[in-house]
Amino acid sequence: MEGKTPVTPKPLTPSQKQLVKRQLELEHWKKHSKHLRSRNVITGLAIGAFVVGLFSYTILSVKQEKIMDDIDGEAKIVIMKGPRTGANS
């Protein structure tokens, strides 16, 4: 190595440091995006199943409540008419 002076690398400027950092972050996201996407899909399906279950439960409860109101109405009519005995028929 006669006649050649050793080349020392120049220190990076702040913008170059930021560029290197962003490139490393991009590589990280490229590697892990598939795993993250699958977890997001599973989470979305779980939330969707919960919402559908809650909606179904609510609709079922309202239907049962309506049926109970109908039964209560019939019971009120029977009570207002009074019992059928030989004395009041």
PDB file of N, CA and C in Angstrom:
ATOM      1  N   MET A   1       0.814  -1.169   0.000  1.00  0.00           N
ATOM      2  CA  MET A   1       0.000   0.000   0.000  1.00  0.00           C
ATOM      3  C   MET A   1       0.866   1.243   0.000  1.00  0.00           C
ATOM      4  N   GLU A   2       1.792   1.253  -0.820  1.00  0.00           N
ATOM      5  CA  GLU A   2       2.656   2.409  -0.893  1.00  0.00           C
ATOM      6  C   GLU A   2       1.998   3.509  -1.701  1.00  0.00           C
ATOM      7  N   GLY A   3       2.079   4.691  -1.198  1.00  0.00           N
ATOM      8  CA  GLY A   3       1.588   5.838  -1.915  1.00  0.00           C
ATOM      9  C   GLY A   3       0.095   6.097  -1.716  1.00  0.00           C
ATOM     10  N   LYS A   4      -0.607   5.186  -1.070  1.00  0.00           N
ATOM     11  CA  LYS A   4      -2.036   5.406  -0.855  1.00  0.00           C
ATOM     12  C   LYS A   4      -2.261   5.793   0.591  1.00  0.00           C
ATOM     13  N   THR A   5      -3.037   6.805   0.762  1.00  0.00           N
ATOM     14  CA  THR A   5      -3.379   7.200   2.129  1.00  0.00           C
ATOM     15  C   THR A   5      -4.678   6.502   2.521  1.00  0.00           C
ATOM     16  N   PRO A   6      -4.793   6.079   3.756  1.00  0.00           N
ATOM     17  CA  PRO A   6      -6.031   5.397   4.158  1.00  0.00           C
ATOM     18  C   PRO A   6      -7.211   6.363   4.082  1.00  0.00           C
ATOM     19  N   VAL A   7      -8.284   5.842   3.554  1.00  0.00           N
ATOM     20  CA  VAL A   7      -9.494   6.647   3.382  1.00  0.00           C
ATOM     21  C   VAL A   7     -10.347   6.480   4.642  1.00  0.00           C
ATOM     22  N   THR A   8     -10.616   7.579   5.281  1.00  0.00           N
ATOM     23  CA  THR A   8     -11.490   7.528   6.454  1.00  0.00           C
ATOM     24  C   THR A   8     -12.881   7.961   5.994  1.00  0.00           C
ATOM     25  N   PRO A   9     -13.887   7.230   6.439  1.00  0.00           N
ATOM     26  CA  PRO A   9     -15.239   7.603   6.003  1.00  0.00           C
ATOM     27  C   PRO A   9     -15.652   8.941   6.614  1.00  0.00           C
ATOM     28  N   LYS A  10     -16.345   9.723   5.820  1.00  0.00           N
ATOM     29  CA  LYS A  10     -16.826  11.012   6.311  1.00  0.00           C
ATOM     30  C   LYS A  10     -17.978  10.759   7.274  1.00  0.00           C
ATOM     31  N   PRO A  11     -18.090  11.571   8.308  1.00  0.00           N
ATOM     32  CA  PRO A  11     -19.244  11.402   9.203  1.00  0.00           C
ATOM     33  C   PRO A  11     -20.537  11.742   8.456  1.00  0.00           C
ATOM     34  N   LEU A  12     -21.579  10.997   8.809  1.00  0.00           N
ATOM     35  CA  LEU A  12     -22.866  11.190   8.130  1.00  0.00           C
ATOM     36  C   LEU A  12     -23.548  12.464   8.615  1.00  0.00           C
ATOM     37  N   THR A  13     -24.225  13.107   7.688  1.00  0.00           N
ATOM     38  CA  THR A  13     -25.005  14.290   8.050  1.00  0.00           C
ATOM     39  C   THR A  13     -26.308  13.821   8.708  1.00  0.00           C
ATOM     40  N   PRO A  14     -26.977  14.692   9.436  1.00  0.00           N
ATOM     41  CA  PRO A  14     -28.237  14.289  10.073  1.00  0.00           C
ATOM     42  C   PRO A  14     -29.279  13.761   9.080  1.00  0.00           C
ATOM     43  N   SER A  15     -29.335  14.345   7.898  1.00  0.00           N
ATOM     44  CA  SER A  15     -30.304  13.859   6.902  1.00  0.00           C
ATOM     45  C   SER A  15     -29.925  12.464   6.408  1.00  0.00           C
ATOM     46  N   GLN A  16     -28.624  12.191   6.274  1.00  0.00           N
ATOM     47  CA  GLN A  16     -28.191  10.857   5.853  1.00  0.00           C
ATOM     48  C   GLN A  16     -28.479   9.835   6.954  1.00  0.00           C
ATOM     49  N   LYS A  17     -28.288  10.230   8.206  1.00  0.00           N
ATOM     50  CA  LYS A  17     -28.597   9.339   9.327  1.00  0.00           C
ATOM     51  C   LYS A  17     -30.091   9.006   9.349  1.00  0.00           C
ATOM     52  N   GLN A  18     -30.920  10.010   9.088  1.00  0.00           N
ATOM     53  CA  GLN A  18     -32.364   9.798   9.066  1.00  0.00           C
ATOM     54  C   GLN A  18     -32.749   8.865   7.911  1.00  0.00           C
ATOM     55  N   LEU A  19     -32.094   9.031   6.764  1.00  0.00           N
ATOM     56  CA  LEU A  19     -32.362   8.181   5.614  1.00  0.00           C
ATOM     57  C   LEU A  19     -32.021   6.720   5.929  1.00  0.00           C
ATOM     58  N   VAL A  20     -30.891   6.494   6.546  1.00  0.00           N
ATOM     59  CA  VAL A  20     -30.478   5.134   6.910  1.00  0.00           C
ATOM     60  C   VAL A  20     -31.474   4.538   7.899  1.00  0.00           C
ATOM     61  N   LYS A  21     -31.891   5.336   8.865  1.00  0.00           N
ATOM     62  CA  LYS A  21     -32.854   4.872   9.863  1.00  0.00           C
ATOM     63  C   LYS A  21     -34.174   4.494   9.199  1.00  0.00           C
ATOM     64  N   ARG A  22     -34.649   5.319   8.279  1.00  0.00           N
ATOM     65  CA  ARG A  22     -35.907   5.042   7.570  1.00  0.00           C
ATOM     66  C   ARG A  22     -35.801   3.782   6.716  1.00  0.00           C
ATOM     67  N   GLN A  23     -34.645   3.577   6.097  1.00  0.00           N
ATOM     68  CA  GLN A  23     -34.454   2.375   5.280  1.00  0.00           C
ATOM     69  C   GLN A  23     -34.493   1.123   6.150  1.00  0.00           C
ATOM     70  N   LEU A  24     -33.898   1.196   7.335  1.00  0.00           N
ATOM     71  CA  LEU A  24     -33.937   0.054   8.250  1.00  0.00           C
ATOM     72  C   LEU A  24     -35.365  -0.205   8.726  1.00  0.00           C
ATOM     73  N   GLU A  25     -36.101   0.846   9.013  1.00  0.00           N
ATOM     74  CA  GLU A  25     -37.500   0.685   9.435  1.00  0.00           C
ATOM     75  C   GLU A  25     -38.326   0.068   8.315  1.00  0.00           C
ATOM     76  N   LEU A  26     -38.095   0.485   7.072  1.00  0.00           N
ATOM     77  CA  LEU A  26     -38.820  -0.053   5.936  1.00  0.00           C
ATOM     78  C   LEU A  26     -38.550  -1.550   5.781  1.00  0.00           C
ATOM     79  N   GLU A  27     -37.318  -1.958   5.916  1.00  0.00           N
ATOM     80  CA  GLU A  27     -36.965  -3.373   5.832  1.00  0.00           C
ATOM     81  C   GLU A  27     -37.664  -4.163   6.940  1.00  0.00           C
ATOM     82  N   HIS A  28     -37.699  -3.597   8.132  1.00  0.00           N
ATOM     83  CA  HIS A  28     -38.362  -4.260   9.253  1.00  0.00           C
ATOM     84  C   HIS A  28     -39.847  -4.461   8.954  1.00  0.00           C
ATOM     85  N   TRP A  29     -40.519  -3.426   8.457  1.00  0.00           N
ATOM     86  CA  TRP A  29     -41.952  -3.521   8.166  1.00  0.00           C
ATOM     87  C   TRP A  29     -42.216  -4.502   7.029  1.00  0.00           C
ATOM     88  N   LYS A  30     -41.335  -4.545   6.039  1.00  0.00           N
ATOM     89  CA  LYS A  30     -41.508  -5.494   4.935  1.00  0.00           C
ATOM     90  C   LYS A  30     -41.437  -6.934   5.445  1.00  0.00           C
ATOM     91  N   LYS A  31     -40.537  -7.188   6.386  1.00  0.00           N
ATOM     92  CA  LYS A  31     -40.369  -8.544   6.920  1.00  0.00           C
ATOM     93  C   LYS A  31     -41.555  -8.950   7.793  1.00  0.00           C
ATOM     94  N   HIS A  32     -42.092  -8.032   8.562  1.00  0.00           N
ATOM     95  CA  HIS A  32     -43.097  -8.367   9.554  1.00  0.00           C
ATOM     96  C   HIS A  32     -44.533  -8.024   9.153  1.00  0.00           C
ATOM     97  N   SER A  33     -44.737  -7.487   7.963  1.00  0.00           N
ATOM     98  CA  SER A  33     -46.088  -7.047   7.579  1.00  0.00           C
ATOM     99  C   SER A  33     -47.051  -8.217   7.409  1.00  0.00           C
ATOM    100  N   LYS A  34     -46.593  -9.358   6.914  1.00  0.00           N
ATOM    101  CA  LYS A  34     -47.476 -10.501   6.706  1.00  0.00           C
ATOM    102  C   LYS A  34     -47.999 -11.018   8.040  1.00  0.00           C
ATOM    103  N   HIS A  35     -47.116 -11.124   9.011  1.00  0.00           N
ATOM    104  CA  HIS A  35     -47.517 -11.592  10.346  1.00  0.00           C
ATOM    105  C   HIS A  35     -48.484 -10.605  10.985  1.00  0.00           C
ATOM    106  N   LEU A  36     -48.201  -9.334  10.829  1.00  0.00           N
ATOM    107  CA  LEU A  36     -49.057  -8.298  11.407  1.00  0.00           C
ATOM    108  C   LEU A  36     -50.427  -8.292  10.735  1.00  0.00           C
ATOM    109  N   ARG A  37     -50.459  -8.471   9.435  1.00  0.00           N
ATOM    110  CA  ARG A  37     -51.721  -8.495   8.699  1.00  0.00           C
ATOM    111  C   ARG A  37     -52.585  -9.669   9.149  1.00  0.00           C
ATOM    112  N   SER A  38     -51.985 -10.836   9.345  1.00  0.00           N
ATOM    113  CA  SER A  38     -52.767 -12.000   9.775  1.00  0.00           C
ATOM    114  C   SER A  38     -53.323 -11.785  11.182  1.00  0.00           C
ATOM    115  N   ARG A  39     -52.546 -11.167  12.052  1.00  0.00           N
ATOM    116  CA  ARG A  39     -53.064 -10.867  13.397  1.00  0.00           C
ATOM    117  C   ARG A  39     -54.203  -9.865  13.329  1.00  0.00           C
ATOM    118  N   ASN A  40     -54.102  -8.890  12.445  1.00  0.00           N
ATOM    119  CA  ASN A  40     -55.174  -7.908  12.287  1.00  0.00           C
ATOM    120  C   ASN A  40     -56.451  -8.554  11.761  1.00  0.00           C
ATOM    121  N   VAL A  41     -56.310  -9.500  10.837  1.00  0.00           N
ATOM    122  CA  VAL A  41     -57.482 -10.194  10.306  1.00  0.00           C
ATOM    123  C   VAL A  41     -58.150 -11.005  11.413  1.00  0.00           C
ATOM    124  N   ILE A  42     -57.365 -11.705  12.205  1.00  0.00           N
ATOM    125  CA  ILE A  42     -57.926 -12.499  13.305  1.00  0.00           C
ATOM    126  C   ILE A  42     -58.628 -11.589  14.310  1.00  0.00           C
ATOM    127  N   THR A  43     -58.021 -10.473  14.638  1.00  0.00           N
ATOM    128  CA  THR A  43     -58.644  -9.533  15.569  1.00  0.00           C
ATOM    129  C   THR A  43     -59.941  -8.974  14.987  1.00  0.00           C
ATOM    130  N   GLY A  44     -59.943  -8.634  13.717  1.00  0.00           N
ATOM    131  CA  GLY A  44     -61.149  -8.126  13.068  1.00  0.00           C
ATOM    132  C   GLY A  44     -62.273  -9.148  13.063  1.00  0.00           C
ATOM    133  N   LEU A  45     -61.938 -10.400  12.785  1.00  0.00           N
ATOM    134  CA  LEU A  45     -62.957 -11.452  12.796  1.00  0.00           C
ATOM    135  C   LEU A  45     -63.514 -11.665  14.200  1.00  0.00           C
ATOM    136  N   ALA A  46     -62.656 -11.595  15.208  1.00  0.00           N
ATOM    137  CA  ALA A  46     -63.121 -11.764  16.587  1.00  0.00           C
ATOM    138  C   ALA A  46     -64.059 -10.625  16.986  1.00  0.00           C
ATOM    139  N   ILE A  47     -63.703  -9.408  16.639  1.00  0.00           N
ATOM    140  CA  ILE A  47     -64.569  -8.262  16.955  1.00  0.00           C
ATOM    141  C   ILE A  47     -65.884  -8.379  16.190  1.00  0.00           C
ATOM    142  N   GLY A  48     -65.824  -8.771  14.921  1.00  0.00           N
ATOM    143  CA  GLY A  48     -67.037  -8.952  14.121  1.00  0.00           C
ATOM    144  C   GLY A  48     -67.949 -10.023  14.700  1.00  0.00           C
ATOM    145  N   ALA A  49     -67.360 -11.133  15.153  1.00  0.00           N
ATOM    146  CA  ALA A  49     -68.159 -12.202  15.762  1.00  0.00           C
ATOM    147  C   ALA A  49     -68.820 -11.714  17.047  1.00  0.00           C
ATOM    148  N   PHE A  50     -68.103 -10.937  17.821  1.00  0.00           N
ATOM    149  CA  PHE A  50     -68.675 -10.380  19.056  1.00  0.00           C
ATOM    150  C   PHE A  50     -69.850  -9.465  18.738  1.00  0.00           C
ATOM    151  N   VAL A  51     -69.696  -8.610  17.745  1.00  0.00           N
ATOM    152  CA  VAL A  51     -70.762  -7.669  17.380  1.00  0.00           C
ATOM    153  C   VAL A  51     -71.998  -8.422  16.875  1.00  0.00           C
ATOM    154  N   VAL A  52     -71.790  -9.420  16.025  1.00  0.00           N
ATOM    155  CA  VAL A  52     -72.911 -10.197  15.502  1.00  0.00           C
ATOM    156  C   VAL A  52     -73.606 -10.946  16.641  1.00  0.00           C
ATOM    157  N   GLY A  53     -72.842 -11.515  17.554  1.00  0.00           N
ATOM    158  CA  GLY A  53     -73.428 -12.215  18.698  1.00  0.00           C
ATOM    159  C   GLY A  53     -74.229 -11.279  19.585  1.00  0.00           C
ATOM    160  N   LEU A  54     -73.684 -10.116  19.845  1.00  0.00           N
ATOM    161  CA  LEU A  54     -74.383  -9.138  20.684  1.00  0.00           C
ATOM    162  C   LEU A  54     -75.658  -8.658  20.000  1.00  0.00           C
ATOM    163  N   PHE A  55     -75.608  -8.415  18.713  1.00  0.00           N
ATOM    164  CA  PHE A  55     -76.790  -7.989  17.965  1.00  0.00           C
ATOM    165  C   PHE A  55     -77.859  -9.086  17.989  1.00  0.00           C
ATOM    166  N   SER A  56     -77.430 -10.331  17.761  1.00  0.00           N
ATOM    167  CA  SER A  56     -78.380 -11.448  17.768  1.00  0.00           C
ATOM    168  C   SER A  56     -79.021 -11.612  19.134  1.00  0.00           C
ATOM    169  N   TYR A  57     -78.223 -11.522  20.172  1.00  0.00           N
ATOM    170  CA  TYR A  57     -78.748 -11.635  21.532  1.00  0.00           C
ATOM    171  C   TYR A  57     -79.768 -10.535  21.811  1.00  0.00           C
ATOM    172  N   THR A  58     -79.482  -9.322  21.378  1.00  0.00           N
ATOM    173  CA  THR A  58     -80.393  -8.192  21.600  1.00  0.00           C
ATOM    174  C   THR A  58     -81.711  -8.405  20.870  1.00  0.00           C
ATOM    175  N   ILE A  59     -81.650  -8.835  19.618  1.00  0.00           N
ATOM    176  CA  ILE A  59     -82.863  -9.075  18.841  1.00  0.00           C
ATOM    177  C   ILE A  59     -83.682 -10.189  19.485  1.00  0.00           C
ATOM    178  N   LEU A  60     -83.024 -11.254  19.920  1.00  0.00           N
ATOM    179  CA  LEU A  60     -83.715 -12.371  20.566  1.00  0.00           C
ATOM    180  C   LEU A  60     -84.384 -11.910  21.854  1.00  0.00           C
ATOM    181  N   SER A  61     -83.711 -11.077  22.628  1.00  0.00           N
ATOM    182  CA  SER A  61     -84.286 -10.578  23.882  1.00  0.00           C
ATOM    183  C   SER A  61     -85.519  -9.719  23.616  1.00  0.00           C
ATOM    184  N   VAL A  62     -85.469  -8.889  22.596  1.00  0.00           N
ATOM    185  CA  VAL A  62     -86.606  -8.031  22.276  1.00  0.00           C
ATOM    186  C   VAL A  62     -87.786  -8.885  21.824  1.00  0.00           C
ATOM    187  N   LYS A  63     -87.542  -9.918  21.033  1.00  0.00           N
ATOM    188  CA  LYS A  63     -88.619 -10.801  20.588  1.00  0.00           C
ATOM    189  C   LYS A  63     -89.260 -11.506  21.779  1.00  0.00           C
ATOM    190  N   GLN A  64     -88.430 -11.982  22.720  1.00  0.00           N
ATOM    191  CA  GLN A  64     -88.969 -12.652  23.903  1.00  0.00           C
ATOM    192  C   GLN A  64     -89.764 -11.664  24.742  1.00  0.00           C
ATOM    193  N   GLU A  65     -89.304 -10.446  24.817  1.00  0.00           N
ATOM    194  CA  GLU A  65     -90.011  -9.431  25.589  1.00  0.00           C
ATOM    195  C   GLU A  65     -91.375  -9.150  24.962  1.00  0.00           C
ATOM    196  N   LYS A  66     -91.434  -9.128  23.636  1.00  0.00           N
ATOM    197  CA  LYS A  66     -92.702  -8.900  22.940  1.00  0.00           C
ATOM    198  C   LYS A  66     -93.656 -10.058  23.208  1.00  0.00           C
ATOM    199  N   ILE A  67     -93.135 -11.268  23.185  1.00  0.00           N
ATOM    200  CA  ILE A  67     -93.959 -12.439  23.475  1.00  0.00           C
ATOM    201  C   ILE A  67     -94.478 -12.364  24.909  1.00  0.00           C
ATOM    202  N   MET A  68     -93.627 -11.947  25.846  1.00  0.00           N
ATOM    203  CA  MET A  68     -94.054 -11.826  27.236  1.00  0.00           C
ATOM    204  C   MET A  68     -95.126 -10.744  27.372  1.00  0.00           C
ATOM    205  N   ASP A  69     -95.026  -9.647  26.619  1.00  0.00           N
ATOM    206  CA  ASP A  69     -96.052  -8.599  26.645  1.00  0.00           C
ATOM    207  C   ASP A  69     -97.384  -9.154  26.150  1.00  0.00           C
ATOM    208  N   ASP A  70     -97.343  -9.984  25.087  1.00  0.00           N
ATOM    209  CA  ASP A  70     -98.562 -10.604  24.569  1.00  0.00           C
ATOM    210  C   ASP A  70     -99.184 -11.524  25.615  1.00  0.00           C
ATOM    211  N   ILE A  71     -98.340 -12.318  26.258  1.00  0.00           N
ATOM    212  CA  ILE A  71     -98.835 -13.231  27.297  1.00  0.00           C
ATOM    213  C   ILE A  71     -99.395 -12.429  28.463  1.00  0.00           C
ATOM    214  N   ASP A  72     -98.710 -11.351  28.851  1.00  0.00           N
ATOM    215  CA  ASP A  72     -99.201 -10.503  29.938  1.00  0.00           C
ATOM    216  C   ASP A  72    -100.545  -9.885  29.579  1.00  0.00           C
ATOM    217  N   GLY A  73    -100.706  -9.473  28.328  1.00  0.00           N
ATOM    218  CA  GLY A  73    -101.978  -8.903  27.885  1.00  0.00           C
ATOM    219  C   GLY A  73    -103.107  -9.921  27.982  1.00  0.00           C
ATOM    220  N   GLU A  74    -102.829 -11.155  27.565  1.00  0.00           N
ATOM    221  CA  GLU A  74    -103.830 -12.211  27.665  1.00  0.00           C
ATOM    222  C   GLU A  74    -104.161 -12.504  29.126  1.00  0.00           C
ATOM    223  N   ALA A  75    -103.139 -12.487  29.981  1.00  0.00           N
ATOM    224  CA  ALA A  75    -103.368 -12.748  31.402  1.00  0.00           C
ATOM    225  C   ALA A  75    -104.212 -11.632  32.021  1.00  0.00           C
ATOM    226  N   LYS A  76    -103.994 -10.388  31.635  1.00  0.00           N
ATOM    227  CA  LYS A  76    -104.795  -9.278  32.158  1.00  0.00           C
ATOM    228  C   LYS A  76    -106.265  -9.430  31.773  1.00  0.00           C
ATOM    229  N   ILE A  77    -106.482  -9.862  30.540  1.00  0.00           N
ATOM    230  CA  ILE A  77    -107.868 -10.058  30.088  1.00  0.00           C
ATOM    231  C   ILE A  77    -108.544 -11.141  30.922  1.00  0.00           C
ATOM    232  N   VAL A  78    -107.845 -12.218  31.166  1.00  0.00           N
ATOM    233  CA  VAL A  78    -108.401 -13.317  31.961  1.00  0.00           C
ATOM    234  C   VAL A  78    -108.675 -12.850  33.375  1.00  0.00           C
ATOM    235  N   ILE A  79    -107.768 -12.072  33.963  1.00  0.00           N
ATOM    236  CA  ILE A  79    -107.945 -11.585  35.325  1.00  0.00           C
ATOM    237  C   ILE A  79    -109.115 -10.618  35.396  1.00  0.00           C
ATOM    238  N   MET A  80    -109.272  -9.746  34.401  1.00  0.00           N
ATOM    239  CA  MET A  80    -110.365  -8.769  34.412  1.00  0.00           C
ATOM    240  C   MET A  80    -111.725  -9.452  34.268  1.00  0.00           C
ATOM    241  N   LYS A  81    -111.755 -10.505  33.503  1.00  0.00           N
ATOM    242  CA  LYS A  81    -113.014 -11.236  33.364  1.00  0.00           C
ATOM    243  C   LYS A  81    -113.358 -11.945  34.664  1.00  0.00           C
ATOM    244  N   GLY A  82    -112.341 -12.270  35.420  1.00  0.00           N
ATOM    245  CA  GLY A  82    -112.547 -12.968  36.672  1.00  0.00           C
ATOM    246  C   GLY A  82    -112.654 -14.456  36.472  1.00  0.00           C
ATOM    247  N   PRO A  83    -112.606 -15.166  37.578  1.00  0.00           N
ATOM    248  CA  PRO A  83    -112.678 -16.626  37.466  1.00  0.00           C
ATOM    249  C   PRO A  83    -114.078 -17.066  37.053  1.00  0.00           C
ATOM    250  N   ARG A  84    -114.150 -18.145  36.359  1.00  0.00           N
ATOM    251  CA  ARG A  84    -115.434 -18.695  35.946  1.00  0.00           C
ATOM    252  C   ARG A  84    -115.896 -19.710  36.991  1.00  0.00           C
ATOM    253  N   THR A  85    -116.827 -19.280  37.720  1.00  0.00           N
ATOM    254  CA  THR A  85    -117.428 -20.178  38.712  1.00  0.00           C
ATOM    255  C   THR A  85    -118.920 -20.250  38.430  1.00  0.00           C
ATOM    256  N   GLY A  86    -119.574 -21.110  39.070  1.00  0.00           N
ATOM    257  CA  GLY A  86    -121.008 -21.251  38.867  1.00  0.00           C
ATOM    258  C   GLY A  86    -121.778 -20.037  39.348  1.00  0.00           C
ATOM    259  N   ALA A  87    -121.232 -19.297  40.309  1.00  0.00           N
ATOM    260  CA  ALA A  87    -121.945 -18.170  40.877  1.00  0.00           C
ATOM    261  C   ALA A  87    -121.940 -16.961  39.965  1.00  0.00           C
ATOM    262  N   ASN A  88    -120.865 -16.750  39.160  1.00  0.00           N
ATOM    263  CA  ASN A  88    -120.790 -15.529  38.341  1.00  0.00           C
ATOM    264  C   ASN A  88    -120.820 -15.812  36.848  1.00  0.00           C
ATOM    265  N   SER A  89    -121.224 -16.945  36.405  1.00  0.00           N
ATOM    266  CA  SER A  89    -121.229 -17.221  34.983  1.00  0.00           C
ATOM    267  C   SER A  89    -122.453 -16.660  34.323  1.00  0.00           C
TER     268      SER A  89
END
